[in-house]
């Protein structure tokens, strides 16, 4: 078990309503075969996966008091310490339309509105988190907060010696990457499209993608992990440049797979794994999540088996193969 102090931050959680159906045809009536509600949002999913791995974790952020029951039940069942700030509103619902072939269509509903005072309350809940801690800040920001809200949390934590793993996109990611070197996140995990949107350039060529990741590491980010769907993920740091690929991908909802990868990165950092072992751990978490509905991992034995099957190779080989 890692000795690191682990925290996650979820500023804009959601209840995930996953609807299973044969196929979705726009403009036509779709008949659902199944439906399930799961407390979710990126930060909640990361905390849930870390708890499944068996490590203590505290969750911070904002939560609507009007429909908090599912979240409270999840936190209690998994032993997640709850430091979330309650707002007198409802947490949003995200609808996931999952077709038999595995394609997922997301319909994200509007949620609560937050203020600078609410962000300050989250900052206060993190005030005792300092050197040596690992903190993930994941997901979108609620309406009412400035674009740099997540970046401000990153900067305060980084300057106290915490290692921040950041998984945001759009303007919040752009704001975080513009921070001073001493305030940057320790690691980021965008997917290719999120990184393209943030940097405002095409990264479809493997060489361009790797060059962008190397540039971010040169600026002071310790680890840049970019998820690539069926191509696995690349992991770029000063000490290693790797591509990780699972032997086989599971079929099922992809909801939360990226969040599981973030949890795997955190678990690897907490155990001070070597770069190749960390890449395998993160990939195994993501593949393991595909086997389960909701924000849940399979047991450790299954994750270990998946981990041993991940193919990790130098990035030079991946570039040459492209």
Protein backbone atom coordinates (compact mmCIF):
# COMPACT_ATOMS: atom_id res chain seq x y z
CA UNK A 1 0.00 0.00 0.00
CA UNK A 2 1.33 3.47 -0.87
CA UNK A 3 2.08 5.84 1.96
CA UNK A 4 1.22 8.91 -0.13
CA UNK A 5 -1.60 11.23 0.92
CA UNK A 6 -4.18 10.92 -1.90
CA UNK A 7 -6.87 13.46 -2.81
CA UNK A 8 -9.19 14.09 -5.75
CA UNK A 9 -11.03 17.27 -6.70
CA UNK A 10 -14.37 17.29 -8.54
CA UNK A 11 -15.72 20.78 -9.18
CA UNK A 12 -18.57 19.62 -11.42
CA UNK A 13 -19.65 16.04 -10.62
CA UNK A 14 -22.56 14.37 -12.31
CA UNK A 15 -25.03 11.54 -12.04
CA UNK A 16 -24.36 9.31 -15.04
CA UNK A 17 -27.54 7.90 -16.55
CA UNK A 18 -26.32 5.12 -18.85
CA UNK A 19 -28.96 3.93 -21.29
CA UNK A 20 -28.39 0.73 -23.28
CA UNK A 21 -30.01 0.40 -26.69
CA UNK A 22 -29.50 -1.54 -29.91
CA UNK A 23 -28.71 1.46 -32.09
CA UNK A 24 -29.25 5.21 -32.04
CA UNK A 25 -30.71 6.83 -35.15
CA UNK A 26 -31.12 10.62 -34.88
CA UNK A 27 -34.70 11.73 -35.40
CA UNK A 28 -36.19 8.33 -34.59
CA UNK A 29 -37.63 6.84 -31.40
CA UNK A 30 -35.07 4.75 -29.53
CA UNK A 31 -36.23 2.03 -27.16
CA UNK A 32 -33.95 1.47 -24.20
CA UNK A 33 -33.00 -2.03 -23.10
CA UNK A 34 -31.50 -0.96 -19.81
CA UNK A 35 -30.78 2.08 -17.67
CA UNK A 36 -28.63 2.69 -14.63
CA UNK A 37 -27.74 5.70 -12.51
CA UNK A 38 -24.19 6.06 -11.16
CA UNK A 39 -22.62 8.89 -9.18
CA UNK A 40 -19.90 10.15 -11.48
CA UNK A 41 -17.95 12.98 -12.97
CA UNK A 42 -14.22 12.62 -13.49
CA UNK A 43 -13.05 13.39 -9.96
CA UNK A 44 -15.62 11.04 -8.44
CA UNK A 45 -14.63 8.27 -10.86
CA UNK A 46 -10.94 8.66 -10.00
CA UNK A 47 -11.67 8.49 -6.26
CA UNK A 48 -13.86 5.43 -6.77
CA UNK A 49 -11.18 3.57 -8.73
CA UNK A 50 -8.49 4.41 -6.18
CA UNK A 51 -10.73 3.13 -3.41
CA UNK A 52 -11.31 -0.08 -5.37
CA UNK A 53 -7.53 -0.48 -5.58
CA UNK A 54 -7.50 -0.39 -1.81
CA UNK A 55 -5.91 2.96 -1.01
CA UNK A 56 -7.34 5.70 1.25
CA UNK A 57 -8.50 8.76 -0.67
CA UNK A 58 -10.26 12.03 0.18
CA UNK A 59 -12.56 13.75 -2.29
CA UNK A 60 -12.95 17.55 -2.43
CA UNK A 61 -15.03 19.79 -4.65
CA UNK A 62 -18.63 20.89 -5.06
CA UNK A 63 -21.80 18.82 -4.76
CA UNK A 64 -25.49 19.65 -5.03
CA UNK A 65 -27.22 19.02 -1.71
CA UNK A 66 -30.61 18.38 -3.34
CA UNK A 67 -29.61 15.04 -4.90
CA UNK A 68 -26.53 13.95 -2.97
CA UNK A 69 -27.87 10.56 -1.84
CA UNK A 70 -26.14 8.42 -4.48
CA UNK A 71 -22.82 10.16 -3.88
CA UNK A 72 -23.02 9.73 -0.10
CA UNK A 73 -23.81 6.05 -0.55
CA UNK A 74 -20.82 5.55 -2.89
CA UNK A 75 -18.43 7.35 -0.53
CA UNK A 76 -19.67 5.37 2.47
CA UNK A 77 -19.54 2.02 0.66
CA UNK A 78 -15.97 2.54 -0.53
CA UNK A 79 -14.56 4.36 2.47
CA UNK A 80 -13.88 7.59 0.54
CA UNK A 81 -13.40 10.52 2.92
CA UNK A 82 -15.93 13.18 1.96
CA UNK A 83 -14.67 16.79 2.05
CA UNK A 84 -16.99 18.12 -0.66
CA UNK A 85 -18.71 21.48 -0.25
CA UNK A 86 -22.50 21.29 -0.52
CA UNK A 87 -24.40 23.80 -2.63
CA UNK A 88 -28.18 24.36 -2.21
CA UNK A 89 -28.76 23.12 -5.76
CA UNK A 90 -28.85 19.87 -7.74
CA UNK A 91 -25.88 18.09 -9.27
CA UNK A 92 -26.25 17.71 -13.04
CA UNK A 93 -27.16 14.53 -14.92
CA UNK A 94 -25.13 13.25 -17.86
CA UNK A 95 -26.94 10.89 -20.22
CA UNK A 96 -24.79 8.19 -21.86
CA UNK A 97 -26.48 6.42 -24.79
CA UNK A 98 -24.61 3.12 -25.19
CA UNK A 99 -25.26 1.16 -28.38
CA UNK A 100 -24.72 -2.57 -28.75
CA UNK A 101 -21.61 -2.00 -30.88
CA UNK A 102 -19.98 0.00 -28.09
CA UNK A 103 -20.50 3.50 -29.49
CA UNK A 104 -21.45 6.01 -26.78
CA UNK A 105 -23.24 9.32 -27.29
CA UNK A 106 -23.06 11.80 -24.40
CA UNK A 107 -25.78 14.34 -23.61
CA UNK A 108 -24.53 16.49 -20.72
CA UNK A 109 -27.24 18.50 -18.98
CA UNK A 110 -26.58 21.86 -17.31
CA UNK A 111 -25.85 21.70 -13.61
CA UNK A 112 -25.42 24.00 -10.66
CA UNK A 113 -23.84 27.43 -10.76
CA UNK A 114 -20.87 28.17 -8.51
CA UNK A 115 -19.26 31.37 -7.30
CA UNK A 116 -15.81 32.60 -6.33
CA UNK A 117 -16.87 32.08 -2.71
CA UNK A 118 -17.58 28.41 -3.45
CA UNK A 119 -14.16 28.00 -5.06
CA UNK A 120 -12.57 29.62 -1.99
CA UNK A 121 -14.34 27.04 0.19
CA UNK A 122 -12.82 24.24 -1.91
CA UNK A 123 -9.41 25.90 -1.58
CA UNK A 124 -9.87 26.00 2.19
CA UNK A 125 -10.73 22.28 2.26
CA UNK A 126 -7.37 21.67 0.56
CA UNK A 127 -5.42 24.01 2.85
CA UNK A 128 -3.76 21.23 4.83
CA UNK A 129 -2.70 19.29 1.70
CA UNK A 130 1.01 19.89 1.26
CA UNK A 131 4.36 18.42 0.34
CA UNK A 132 4.27 14.78 -0.71
CA UNK A 133 0.54 14.63 -1.38
CA UNK A 134 -0.90 13.48 -4.70
CA UNK A 135 -3.95 15.42 -5.87
CA UNK A 136 -6.00 14.86 -9.01
CA UNK A 137 -8.06 17.72 -10.40
CA UNK A 138 -10.39 16.33 -13.02
CA UNK A 139 -13.30 17.32 -15.20
CA UNK A 140 -15.21 20.37 -16.24
CA UNK A 141 -15.93 23.47 -14.21
CA UNK A 142 -19.48 24.55 -13.32
CA UNK A 143 -20.94 27.69 -14.77
CA UNK A 144 -20.09 30.80 -12.79
CA UNK A 145 -16.38 30.01 -12.29
CA UNK A 146 -13.61 31.71 -14.23
CA UNK A 147 -11.66 29.72 -16.82
CA UNK A 148 -8.61 29.66 -14.54
CA UNK A 149 -10.41 28.20 -11.50
CA UNK A 150 -8.75 24.79 -11.79
CA UNK A 151 -5.40 26.42 -12.60
CA UNK A 152 -5.59 28.44 -9.40
CA UNK A 153 -6.08 25.25 -7.39
CA UNK A 154 -3.16 23.64 -9.23
CA UNK A 155 -0.84 26.58 -8.53
CA UNK A 156 -1.64 26.74 -4.82
CA UNK A 157 -1.10 23.02 -4.36
CA UNK A 158 2.05 22.81 -6.50
CA UNK A 159 3.66 25.68 -4.60
CA UNK A 160 3.07 23.77 -1.35
CA UNK A 161 4.91 20.75 -2.74
CA UNK A 162 1.93 18.59 -3.74
CA UNK A 163 2.06 16.65 -7.00
CA UNK A 164 -1.02 17.51 -9.04
CA UNK A 165 -2.32 15.18 -11.75
CA UNK A 166 -4.55 17.28 -14.00
CA UNK A 167 -7.26 15.98 -16.34
CA UNK A 168 -9.17 18.95 -17.71
CA UNK A 169 -9.70 20.29 -21.22
CA UNK A 170 -10.34 23.47 -23.17
CA UNK A 171 -9.76 26.86 -21.55
CA UNK A 172 -9.07 25.39 -18.06
CA UNK A 173 -6.24 23.25 -19.47
CA UNK A 174 -4.87 26.19 -21.44
CA UNK A 175 -4.85 28.30 -18.25
CA UNK A 176 -3.01 25.58 -16.32
CA UNK A 177 -0.35 25.16 -19.01
CA UNK A 178 0.29 28.92 -18.89
CA UNK A 179 1.25 28.81 -15.19
CA UNK A 180 4.75 29.65 -13.99
CA UNK A 181 7.16 26.69 -13.83
CA UNK A 182 6.88 26.39 -10.05
CA UNK A 183 3.08 26.22 -10.28
CA UNK A 184 2.62 23.70 -13.10
CA UNK A 185 0.89 20.36 -12.60
CA UNK A 186 3.15 17.35 -12.10
CA UNK A 187 1.26 15.33 -14.72
CA UNK A 188 -1.48 15.84 -17.29
CA UNK A 189 -3.61 13.27 -19.12
CA UNK A 190 -5.43 14.71 -22.12
CA UNK A 191 -6.57 12.63 -25.05
CA UNK A 192 -5.27 13.56 -28.49
CA UNK A 193 -8.28 15.72 -29.39
CA UNK A 194 -8.17 17.61 -26.09
CA UNK A 195 -4.49 18.37 -26.56
CA UNK A 196 -5.11 19.52 -30.13
CA UNK A 197 -7.88 21.86 -28.99
CA UNK A 198 -5.72 23.24 -26.18
CA UNK A 199 -2.66 23.86 -28.34
CA UNK A 200 -4.78 24.89 -31.34
CA UNK A 201 -2.93 22.73 -33.85
CA UNK A 202 -3.32 19.42 -35.63
CA UNK A 203 -1.60 16.52 -33.88
CA UNK A 204 -2.84 13.67 -36.04
CA UNK A 205 0.72 12.84 -37.13
CA UNK A 206 2.56 10.79 -34.51
CA UNK A 207 5.67 12.93 -34.76
CA UNK A 208 3.72 16.13 -34.14
CA UNK A 209 1.96 14.61 -31.13
CA UNK A 210 5.22 13.44 -29.57
CA UNK A 211 6.87 16.81 -30.24
CA UNK A 212 4.00 18.57 -28.45
CA UNK A 213 4.33 16.25 -25.45
CA UNK A 214 8.09 16.77 -25.33
CA UNK A 215 7.61 20.54 -25.41
CA UNK A 216 5.29 20.36 -22.39
CA UNK A 217 7.83 18.27 -20.48
CA UNK A 218 10.53 20.80 -21.39
CA UNK A 219 8.34 23.53 -19.90
CA UNK A 220 8.32 21.75 -16.55
CA UNK A 221 5.51 19.16 -16.52
CA UNK A 222 6.85 15.91 -15.10
CA UNK A 223 4.67 13.50 -17.09
CA UNK A 224 2.50 13.94 -20.17
CA UNK A 225 0.22 10.96 -20.77
CA UNK A 226 -1.93 11.15 -23.89
CA UNK A 227 -4.66 8.54 -24.34
CA UNK A 228 -5.18 7.37 -27.93
CA UNK A 229 -8.15 5.01 -27.82
CA UNK A 230 -7.38 1.80 -29.71
CA UNK A 231 -3.70 2.83 -29.93
CA UNK A 232 -3.34 2.77 -26.16
CA UNK A 233 -1.50 5.76 -24.72
CA UNK A 234 1.87 7.48 -24.79
CA UNK A 235 3.77 8.46 -21.65
CA UNK A 236 6.43 11.15 -22.01
CA UNK A 237 8.71 12.32 -19.20
CA UNK A 238 12.34 13.38 -18.83
CA UNK A 239 13.30 9.86 -17.84
CA UNK A 240 11.37 7.81 -20.40
CA UNK A 241 9.27 8.01 -23.55
CA UNK A 242 6.92 5.05 -23.92
CA UNK A 243 3.82 3.73 -25.63
CA UNK A 244 1.57 1.30 -23.78
CA UNK A 245 -0.90 -0.99 -25.53
CA UNK A 246 -3.22 -3.58 -24.01
CA UNK A 247 -3.16 -6.97 -25.69
CA UNK A 248 -6.94 -6.85 -26.14
CA UNK A 249 -9.58 -4.25 -25.44
CA UNK A 250 -12.73 -5.18 -23.54
CA UNK A 251 -16.15 -4.37 -24.91
CA UNK A 252 -18.52 -2.23 -22.89
CA UNK A 253 -19.15 1.34 -21.87
CA UNK A 254 -16.10 3.57 -22.25
CA UNK A 255 -17.56 5.90 -19.60
CA UNK A 256 -14.86 6.50 -16.99
CA UNK A 257 -12.04 4.62 -18.78
CA UNK A 258 -9.91 7.78 -19.01
CA UNK A 259 -10.62 8.50 -15.36
CA UNK A 260 -9.49 4.98 -14.48
CA UNK A 261 -6.24 5.67 -16.36
CA UNK A 262 -5.75 8.79 -14.22
CA UNK A 263 -6.32 6.67 -11.11
CA UNK A 264 -3.74 4.20 -12.40
CA UNK A 265 -1.21 6.98 -12.91
CA UNK A 266 -1.81 8.17 -9.35
CA UNK A 267 -1.51 4.63 -7.97
CA UNK A 268 1.76 4.22 -9.87
CA UNK A 269 3.15 7.54 -8.64
CA UNK A 270 2.13 6.70 -5.07
CA UNK A 271 4.11 3.46 -5.27
CA UNK A 272 7.02 5.18 -7.03
CA UNK A 273 6.82 2.74 -9.95
CA UNK A 274 9.36 2.88 -12.75
CA UNK A 275 8.01 4.55 -15.95
CA UNK A 276 7.26 1.29 -17.79
CA UNK A 277 5.49 -0.20 -14.77
CA UNK A 278 3.47 2.99 -14.29
CA UNK A 279 2.39 2.94 -17.95
CA UNK A 280 1.30 -0.69 -17.57
CA UNK A 281 -0.59 0.09 -14.35
CA UNK A 282 -2.44 3.04 -15.88
CA UNK A 283 -3.38 1.05 -18.98
CA UNK A 284 -4.56 -1.93 -16.92
CA UNK A 285 -6.80 0.34 -14.84
CA UNK A 286 -8.38 1.74 -18.04
CA UNK A 287 -8.97 -1.69 -19.57
CA UNK A 288 -10.25 -3.07 -16.30
CA UNK A 289 -12.81 -0.28 -16.08
CA UNK A 290 -14.18 -1.27 -19.51
CA UNK A 291 -15.26 -4.58 -17.98
CA UNK A 292 -17.48 -2.95 -15.36
CA UNK A 293 -20.46 -0.65 -15.57
CA UNK A 294 -20.22 2.42 -13.35
CA UNK A 295 -17.08 3.86 -11.73
CA UNK A 296 -15.70 0.53 -10.56
CA UNK A 297 -12.55 -1.55 -11.08
CA UNK A 298 -12.32 -5.33 -10.99
CA UNK A 299 -10.37 -6.88 -8.13
CA UNK A 300 -6.61 -6.61 -7.73
CA UNK A 301 -5.95 -10.08 -9.13
CA UNK A 302 -7.63 -9.20 -12.42
CA UNK A 303 -5.87 -5.83 -12.61
CA UNK A 304 -2.51 -7.53 -12.02
CA UNK A 305 -3.24 -9.96 -14.86
CA UNK A 306 -4.18 -7.11 -17.19
CA UNK A 307 -1.06 -5.21 -16.11
CA UNK A 308 1.22 -8.11 -17.00
CA UNK A 309 -0.37 -8.34 -20.47
CA UNK A 310 0.20 -4.67 -21.40
CA UNK A 311 2.84 -4.21 -24.08
CA UNK A 312 5.10 -1.26 -23.26
CA UNK A 313 7.68 -0.21 -25.85
CA UNK A 314 9.96 2.76 -26.48
CA UNK A 315 8.26 5.64 -28.24
CA UNK A 316 10.86 5.43 -31.01
CA UNK A 317 9.38 2.07 -32.03
CA UNK A 318 5.85 3.50 -32.10
CA UNK A 319 7.04 6.43 -34.21
CA UNK A 320 8.85 4.14 -36.63
CA UNK A 321 5.76 1.97 -37.01
CA UNK A 322 3.63 4.99 -37.91
